[in-house]
Amino acid sequence: MSGLDRFVADLSALGLECERRNGLVLVTLDVERPDLPGPLRVGADPPNDFPNVPPHWVHAPRQLAIPSGNPQASELGPEWLKWSRQHPKWKGGANGARHWLAHVRSLILAATKI
């Protein structure tokens, strides 16, 4: 199973909706922020060796600014930006999807709306 397939399977097993787009995965998250109504979609680039190596980029809607970084254009289109984010506590293995999810939720909760 490829890293992308494993990423999608693991997140789907957690009850999350995933959509594949040209090697990226869009994940629908429920985020508890009053300024972000409804579910939010974020993107990831799972590498072939996921879950041993985490996705590197976090693709977020253009209206969000993730702290401590410089965004780049996203392959998802002009309404998206991607942010380089390392996972300093990454352990990989069977809980890789859960670790990624916790990491991305913390980034989204810390993001500012622009």
N, C-alpha and C. Protein backbone atom coordinates (compact mmCIF):
# COMPACT_ATOMS: atom_id res chain seq x y z
N MET A 1 0.85 -1.18 0.00
CA MET A 1 0.00 0.00 0.00
C MET A 1 0.90 1.24 0.00
N SER A 2 0.60 2.20 -0.85
CA SER A 2 1.40 3.43 -0.91
C SER A 2 1.15 4.27 0.33
N GLY A 3 2.04 5.23 0.57
CA GLY A 3 1.86 6.14 1.69
C GLY A 3 0.57 6.93 1.58
N LEU A 4 0.23 7.37 0.37
CA LEU A 4 -1.00 8.12 0.16
C LEU A 4 -2.20 7.23 0.49
N ASP A 5 -2.19 5.98 0.02
CA ASP A 5 -3.30 5.06 0.31
C ASP A 5 -3.42 4.82 1.80
N ARG A 6 -2.31 4.64 2.46
CA ARG A 6 -2.32 4.38 3.91
C ARG A 6 -2.84 5.59 4.66
N PHE A 7 -2.41 6.79 4.26
CA PHE A 7 -2.85 8.03 4.89
C PHE A 7 -4.37 8.16 4.78
N VAL A 8 -4.89 7.96 3.58
CA VAL A 8 -6.34 8.06 3.36
C VAL A 8 -7.08 6.98 4.16
N ALA A 9 -6.58 5.76 4.13
CA ALA A 9 -7.23 4.67 4.86
C ALA A 9 -7.25 4.93 6.36
N ASP A 10 -6.13 5.39 6.89
CA ASP A 10 -6.04 5.64 8.34
C ASP A 10 -6.94 6.79 8.77
N LEU A 11 -6.97 7.88 8.00
CA LEU A 11 -7.84 9.00 8.35
C LEU A 11 -9.31 8.63 8.15
N SER A 12 -9.62 7.87 7.11
CA SER A 12 -10.99 7.42 6.89
C SER A 12 -11.45 6.53 8.05
N ALA A 13 -10.55 5.69 8.56
CA ALA A 13 -10.88 4.83 9.70
C ALA A 13 -11.19 5.65 10.96
N LEU A 14 -10.67 6.87 11.01
CA LEU A 14 -10.97 7.77 12.13
C LEU A 14 -12.26 8.55 11.89
N GLY A 15 -12.93 8.27 10.77
CA GLY A 15 -14.21 8.92 10.46
C GLY A 15 -14.09 10.22 9.70
N LEU A 16 -12.91 10.51 9.14
CA LEU A 16 -12.72 11.76 8.41
C LEU A 16 -12.95 11.55 6.92
N GLU A 17 -13.48 12.57 6.30
CA GLU A 17 -13.71 12.56 4.86
C GLU A 17 -12.43 13.01 4.16
N CYS A 18 -11.98 12.21 3.20
CA CYS A 18 -10.76 12.51 2.46
C CYS A 18 -11.04 12.53 0.97
N GLU A 19 -10.37 13.42 0.27
CA GLU A 19 -10.48 13.50 -1.19
C GLU A 19 -9.06 13.57 -1.75
N ARG A 20 -8.78 12.72 -2.71
CA ARG A 20 -7.47 12.73 -3.37
C ARG A 20 -7.47 13.74 -4.51
N ARG A 21 -6.36 14.48 -4.60
CA ARG A 21 -6.18 15.43 -5.70
C ARG A 21 -4.73 15.43 -6.13
N ASN A 22 -4.41 14.69 -7.18
CA ASN A 22 -3.07 14.71 -7.78
C ASN A 22 -1.95 14.53 -6.77
N GLY A 23 -1.98 13.49 -5.99
CA GLY A 23 -0.93 13.21 -5.03
C GLY A 23 -1.09 13.90 -3.69
N LEU A 24 -2.07 14.77 -3.58
CA LEU A 24 -2.38 15.43 -2.31
C LEU A 24 -3.69 14.85 -1.78
N VAL A 25 -3.93 15.09 -0.51
CA VAL A 25 -5.18 14.63 0.11
C VAL A 25 -5.82 15.82 0.80
N LEU A 26 -7.09 16.07 0.50
CA LEU A 26 -7.87 17.07 1.22
C LEU A 26 -8.63 16.34 2.31
N VAL A 27 -8.54 16.85 3.52
CA VAL A 27 -9.17 16.24 4.68
C VAL A 27 -10.16 17.25 5.27
N THR A 28 -11.38 16.81 5.52
CA THR A 28 -12.40 17.67 6.10
C THR A 28 -12.35 17.53 7.61
N LEU A 29 -12.13 18.65 8.30
CA LEU A 29 -12.01 18.67 9.76
C LEU A 29 -13.13 19.49 10.38
N ASP A 30 -13.60 19.06 11.52
CA ASP A 30 -14.46 19.90 12.34
C ASP A 30 -13.52 20.68 13.26
N VAL A 31 -13.58 21.99 13.17
CA VAL A 31 -12.70 22.84 13.96
C VAL A 31 -13.59 23.71 14.84
N GLU A 32 -13.30 23.74 16.11
CA GLU A 32 -14.12 24.50 17.05
C GLU A 32 -13.58 25.92 17.20
N ARG A 33 -13.87 26.74 16.19
CA ARG A 33 -13.50 28.15 16.21
C ARG A 33 -14.71 28.92 15.70
N PRO A 34 -15.21 29.87 16.47
CA PRO A 34 -16.39 30.62 16.04
C PRO A 34 -16.18 31.41 14.75
N ASP A 35 -14.93 31.79 14.46
CA ASP A 35 -14.66 32.57 13.25
C ASP A 35 -14.48 31.68 12.02
N LEU A 36 -14.53 30.36 12.20
CA LEU A 36 -14.44 29.41 11.08
C LEU A 36 -15.67 28.50 11.12
N PRO A 37 -16.79 28.99 10.64
CA PRO A 37 -18.00 28.18 10.72
C PRO A 37 -17.93 26.94 9.83
N GLY A 38 -18.52 25.88 10.34
CA GLY A 38 -18.62 24.65 9.56
C GLY A 38 -17.31 23.93 9.45
N PRO A 39 -17.31 22.83 8.73
CA PRO A 39 -16.07 22.07 8.56
C PRO A 39 -15.06 22.83 7.71
N LEU A 40 -13.80 22.53 7.95
CA LEU A 40 -12.69 23.16 7.24
C LEU A 40 -11.93 22.08 6.51
N ARG A 41 -11.52 22.36 5.31
CA ARG A 41 -10.71 21.41 4.55
C ARG A 41 -9.26 21.87 4.56
N VAL A 42 -8.37 20.92 4.82
CA VAL A 42 -6.93 21.16 4.76
C VAL A 42 -6.32 20.09 3.88
N GLY A 43 -5.16 20.40 3.33
CA GLY A 43 -4.50 19.45 2.44
C GLY A 43 -3.18 18.96 3.02
N ALA A 44 -2.78 17.79 2.55
CA ALA A 44 -1.52 17.18 2.98
C ALA A 44 -0.88 16.47 1.79
N ASP A 45 0.42 16.25 1.92
CA ASP A 45 1.21 15.58 0.88
C ASP A 45 1.87 14.33 1.45
N PRO A 46 1.10 13.29 1.75
CA PRO A 46 1.72 12.12 2.38
C PRO A 46 2.81 11.50 1.50
N PRO A 47 3.99 11.29 2.07
CA PRO A 47 5.08 10.69 1.29
C PRO A 47 4.86 9.19 1.12
N ASN A 48 5.61 8.59 0.21
CA ASN A 48 5.47 7.16 -0.04
C ASN A 48 5.75 6.32 1.19
N ASP A 49 6.59 6.83 2.10
CA ASP A 49 6.92 6.04 3.28
C ASP A 49 6.12 6.45 4.53
N PHE A 50 4.95 7.09 4.31
CA PHE A 50 4.04 7.32 5.43
C PHE A 50 3.57 5.95 5.91
N PRO A 51 3.51 5.69 7.19
CA PRO A 51 3.54 6.56 8.35
C PRO A 51 4.91 6.73 9.01
N ASN A 52 5.95 6.17 8.42
CA ASN A 52 7.27 6.36 9.02
C ASN A 52 7.77 7.79 8.88
N VAL A 53 7.36 8.46 7.81
CA VAL A 53 7.71 9.86 7.57
C VAL A 53 6.40 10.64 7.42
N PRO A 54 6.27 11.77 8.10
CA PRO A 54 5.00 12.52 8.05
C PRO A 54 4.87 13.36 6.79
N PRO A 55 3.63 13.76 6.47
CA PRO A 55 3.45 14.77 5.43
C PRO A 55 4.19 16.04 5.84
N HIS A 56 4.78 16.72 4.89
CA HIS A 56 5.57 17.92 5.20
C HIS A 56 4.72 19.19 5.11
N TRP A 57 4.00 19.36 4.02
CA TRP A 57 3.25 20.59 3.77
C TRP A 57 1.85 20.51 4.37
N VAL A 58 1.39 21.66 4.88
CA VAL A 58 -0.01 21.81 5.28
C VAL A 58 -0.61 22.82 4.32
N HIS A 59 -1.59 22.38 3.57
CA HIS A 59 -2.29 23.25 2.62
C HIS A 59 -3.55 23.76 3.33
N ALA A 60 -3.68 25.09 3.42
CA ALA A 60 -4.82 25.68 4.13
C ALA A 60 -5.49 26.71 3.23
N PRO A 61 -6.78 26.96 3.48
CA PRO A 61 -7.44 28.02 2.72
C PRO A 61 -6.70 29.34 2.89
N ARG A 62 -6.70 30.12 1.84
CA ARG A 62 -5.92 31.37 1.79
C ARG A 62 -6.26 32.32 2.94
N GLN A 63 -7.45 32.24 3.52
CA GLN A 63 -7.82 33.19 4.58
C GLN A 63 -7.18 32.87 5.92
N LEU A 64 -6.43 31.77 6.02
CA LEU A 64 -5.76 31.41 7.27
C LEU A 64 -4.25 31.61 7.15
N ALA A 65 -3.68 32.19 8.20
CA ALA A 65 -2.23 32.36 8.28
C ALA A 65 -1.72 31.50 9.44
N ILE A 66 -0.96 30.48 9.12
CA ILE A 66 -0.40 29.61 10.14
C ILE A 66 0.83 30.30 10.72
N PRO A 67 0.95 30.31 12.06
CA PRO A 67 2.04 31.05 12.70
C PRO A 67 3.44 30.57 12.27
N SER A 68 4.37 31.50 12.34
CA SER A 68 5.80 31.23 12.14
C SER A 68 6.12 30.60 10.81
N GLY A 69 5.79 31.28 9.77
CA GLY A 69 6.15 30.73 8.49
C GLY A 69 5.84 31.64 7.34
N ASN A 70 6.37 31.27 6.20
CA ASN A 70 6.11 31.99 4.97
C ASN A 70 5.37 31.06 4.03
N PRO A 71 4.17 31.44 3.64
CA PRO A 71 3.40 30.56 2.76
C PRO A 71 3.93 30.56 1.34
N GLN A 72 3.59 29.51 0.64
CA GLN A 72 3.89 29.39 -0.78
C GLN A 72 2.60 29.06 -1.51
N ALA A 73 2.60 29.25 -2.80
CA ALA A 73 1.44 28.88 -3.61
C ALA A 73 1.22 27.37 -3.50
N SER A 74 -0.02 26.99 -3.42
CA SER A 74 -0.38 25.58 -3.30
C SER A 74 -0.78 25.01 -4.65
N GLU A 75 -0.48 23.73 -4.83
CA GLU A 75 -0.90 23.03 -6.04
C GLU A 75 -2.42 22.87 -6.10
N LEU A 76 -3.10 23.17 -5.00
CA LEU A 76 -4.56 23.05 -4.96
C LEU A 76 -5.26 24.23 -5.64
N GLY A 77 -4.53 25.28 -5.94
CA GLY A 77 -5.13 26.40 -6.65
C GLY A 77 -4.97 27.73 -5.93
N PRO A 78 -5.45 28.82 -6.53
CA PRO A 78 -5.21 30.17 -5.99
C PRO A 78 -5.92 30.45 -4.67
N GLU A 79 -6.90 29.67 -4.30
CA GLU A 79 -7.60 29.91 -3.04
C GLU A 79 -6.92 29.20 -1.85
N TRP A 80 -5.74 28.62 -2.11
CA TRP A 80 -5.00 27.87 -1.11
C TRP A 80 -3.57 28.39 -0.97
N LEU A 81 -3.00 28.22 0.21
CA LEU A 81 -1.57 28.44 0.45
C LEU A 81 -1.04 27.19 1.14
N LYS A 82 0.25 26.92 0.97
CA LYS A 82 0.84 25.78 1.68
C LYS A 82 1.93 26.30 2.60
N TRP A 83 2.03 25.64 3.73
CA TRP A 83 2.94 26.03 4.80
C TRP A 83 3.85 24.85 5.12
N SER A 84 5.14 25.09 5.18
CA SER A 84 6.10 24.07 5.53
C SER A 84 6.06 23.88 7.05
N ARG A 85 5.74 22.69 7.47
CA ARG A 85 5.65 22.41 8.90
C ARG A 85 6.27 21.07 9.24
N GLN A 86 7.29 21.09 10.07
CA GLN A 86 7.93 19.87 10.55
C GLN A 86 7.11 19.30 11.70
N HIS A 87 7.29 18.04 11.95
CA HIS A 87 6.64 17.37 13.07
C HIS A 87 7.74 16.96 14.06
N PRO A 88 8.10 17.83 15.00
CA PRO A 88 9.24 17.56 15.86
C PRO A 88 9.08 16.33 16.75
N LYS A 89 7.86 15.93 17.03
CA LYS A 89 7.64 14.77 17.91
C LYS A 89 7.15 13.55 17.15
N TRP A 90 7.36 13.52 15.85
CA TRP A 90 6.83 12.42 15.02
C TRP A 90 7.41 11.09 15.44
N LYS A 91 6.54 10.12 15.67
CA LYS A 91 6.98 8.77 16.01
C LYS A 91 6.63 7.77 14.92
N GLY A 92 5.70 8.16 14.04
CA GLY A 92 5.30 7.28 12.95
C GLY A 92 4.56 6.06 13.45
N GLY A 93 4.58 5.03 12.65
CA GLY A 93 3.93 3.78 13.04
C GLY A 93 2.41 3.84 12.95
N ALA A 94 1.78 2.96 13.69
CA ALA A 94 0.34 2.75 13.58
C ALA A 94 -0.48 3.99 13.89
N ASN A 95 0.03 4.91 14.68
CA ASN A 95 -0.75 6.10 15.04
C ASN A 95 -0.36 7.34 14.25
N GLY A 96 0.27 7.16 13.10
CA GLY A 96 0.69 8.29 12.29
C GLY A 96 -0.43 9.24 11.94
N ALA A 97 -1.58 8.71 11.54
CA ALA A 97 -2.71 9.57 11.17
C ALA A 97 -3.20 10.38 12.36
N ARG A 98 -3.24 9.77 13.52
CA ARG A 98 -3.66 10.49 14.73
C ARG A 98 -2.67 11.60 15.09
N HIS A 99 -1.38 11.32 14.95
CA HIS A 99 -0.37 12.34 15.23
C HIS A 99 -0.48 13.50 14.24
N TRP A 100 -0.66 13.18 12.97
CA TRP A 100 -0.81 14.24 11.96
C TRP A 100 -2.05 15.07 12.27
N LEU A 101 -3.13 14.41 12.58
CA LEU A 101 -4.39 15.11 12.87
C LEU A 101 -4.23 16.06 14.06
N ALA A 102 -3.62 15.61 15.13
CA ALA A 102 -3.41 16.47 16.30
C ALA A 102 -2.52 17.66 15.94
N HIS A 103 -1.48 17.41 15.16
CA HIS A 103 -0.57 18.47 14.74
C HIS A 103 -1.30 19.52 13.90
N VAL A 104 -2.08 19.08 12.93
CA VAL A 104 -2.78 20.02 12.05
C VAL A 104 -3.87 20.78 12.82
N ARG A 105 -4.58 20.10 13.69
CA ARG A 105 -5.60 20.81 14.50
C ARG A 105 -4.95 21.91 15.34
N SER A 106 -3.79 21.64 15.92
CA SER A 106 -3.13 22.66 16.74
C SER A 106 -2.69 23.84 15.87
N LEU A 107 -2.23 23.56 14.66
CA LEU A 107 -1.85 24.65 13.75
C LEU A 107 -3.06 25.49 13.35
N ILE A 108 -4.17 24.85 13.06
CA ILE A 108 -5.38 25.56 12.66
C ILE A 108 -5.93 26.39 13.82
N LEU A 109 -5.88 25.84 15.02
CA LEU A 109 -6.36 26.60 16.18
C LEU A 109 -5.49 27.81 16.46
N ALA A 110 -4.21 27.74 16.12
CA ALA A 110 -3.28 28.86 16.35
C ALA A 110 -3.27 29.84 15.17
N ALA A 111 -3.83 29.46 14.05
CA ALA A 111 -3.80 30.30 12.84
C ALA A 111 -4.63 31.56 13.04
N THR A 112 -4.22 32.61 12.36
CA THR A 112 -5.01 33.82 12.35
C THR A 112 -5.78 33.91 11.05
N LYS A 113 -6.90 34.55 11.12
CA LYS A 113 -7.74 34.73 9.93
C LYS A 113 -7.34 36.04 9.28
N ILE A 114 -7.08 36.00 7.97
CA ILE A 114 -6.69 37.22 7.26
C ILE A 114 -7.72 37.58 6.20
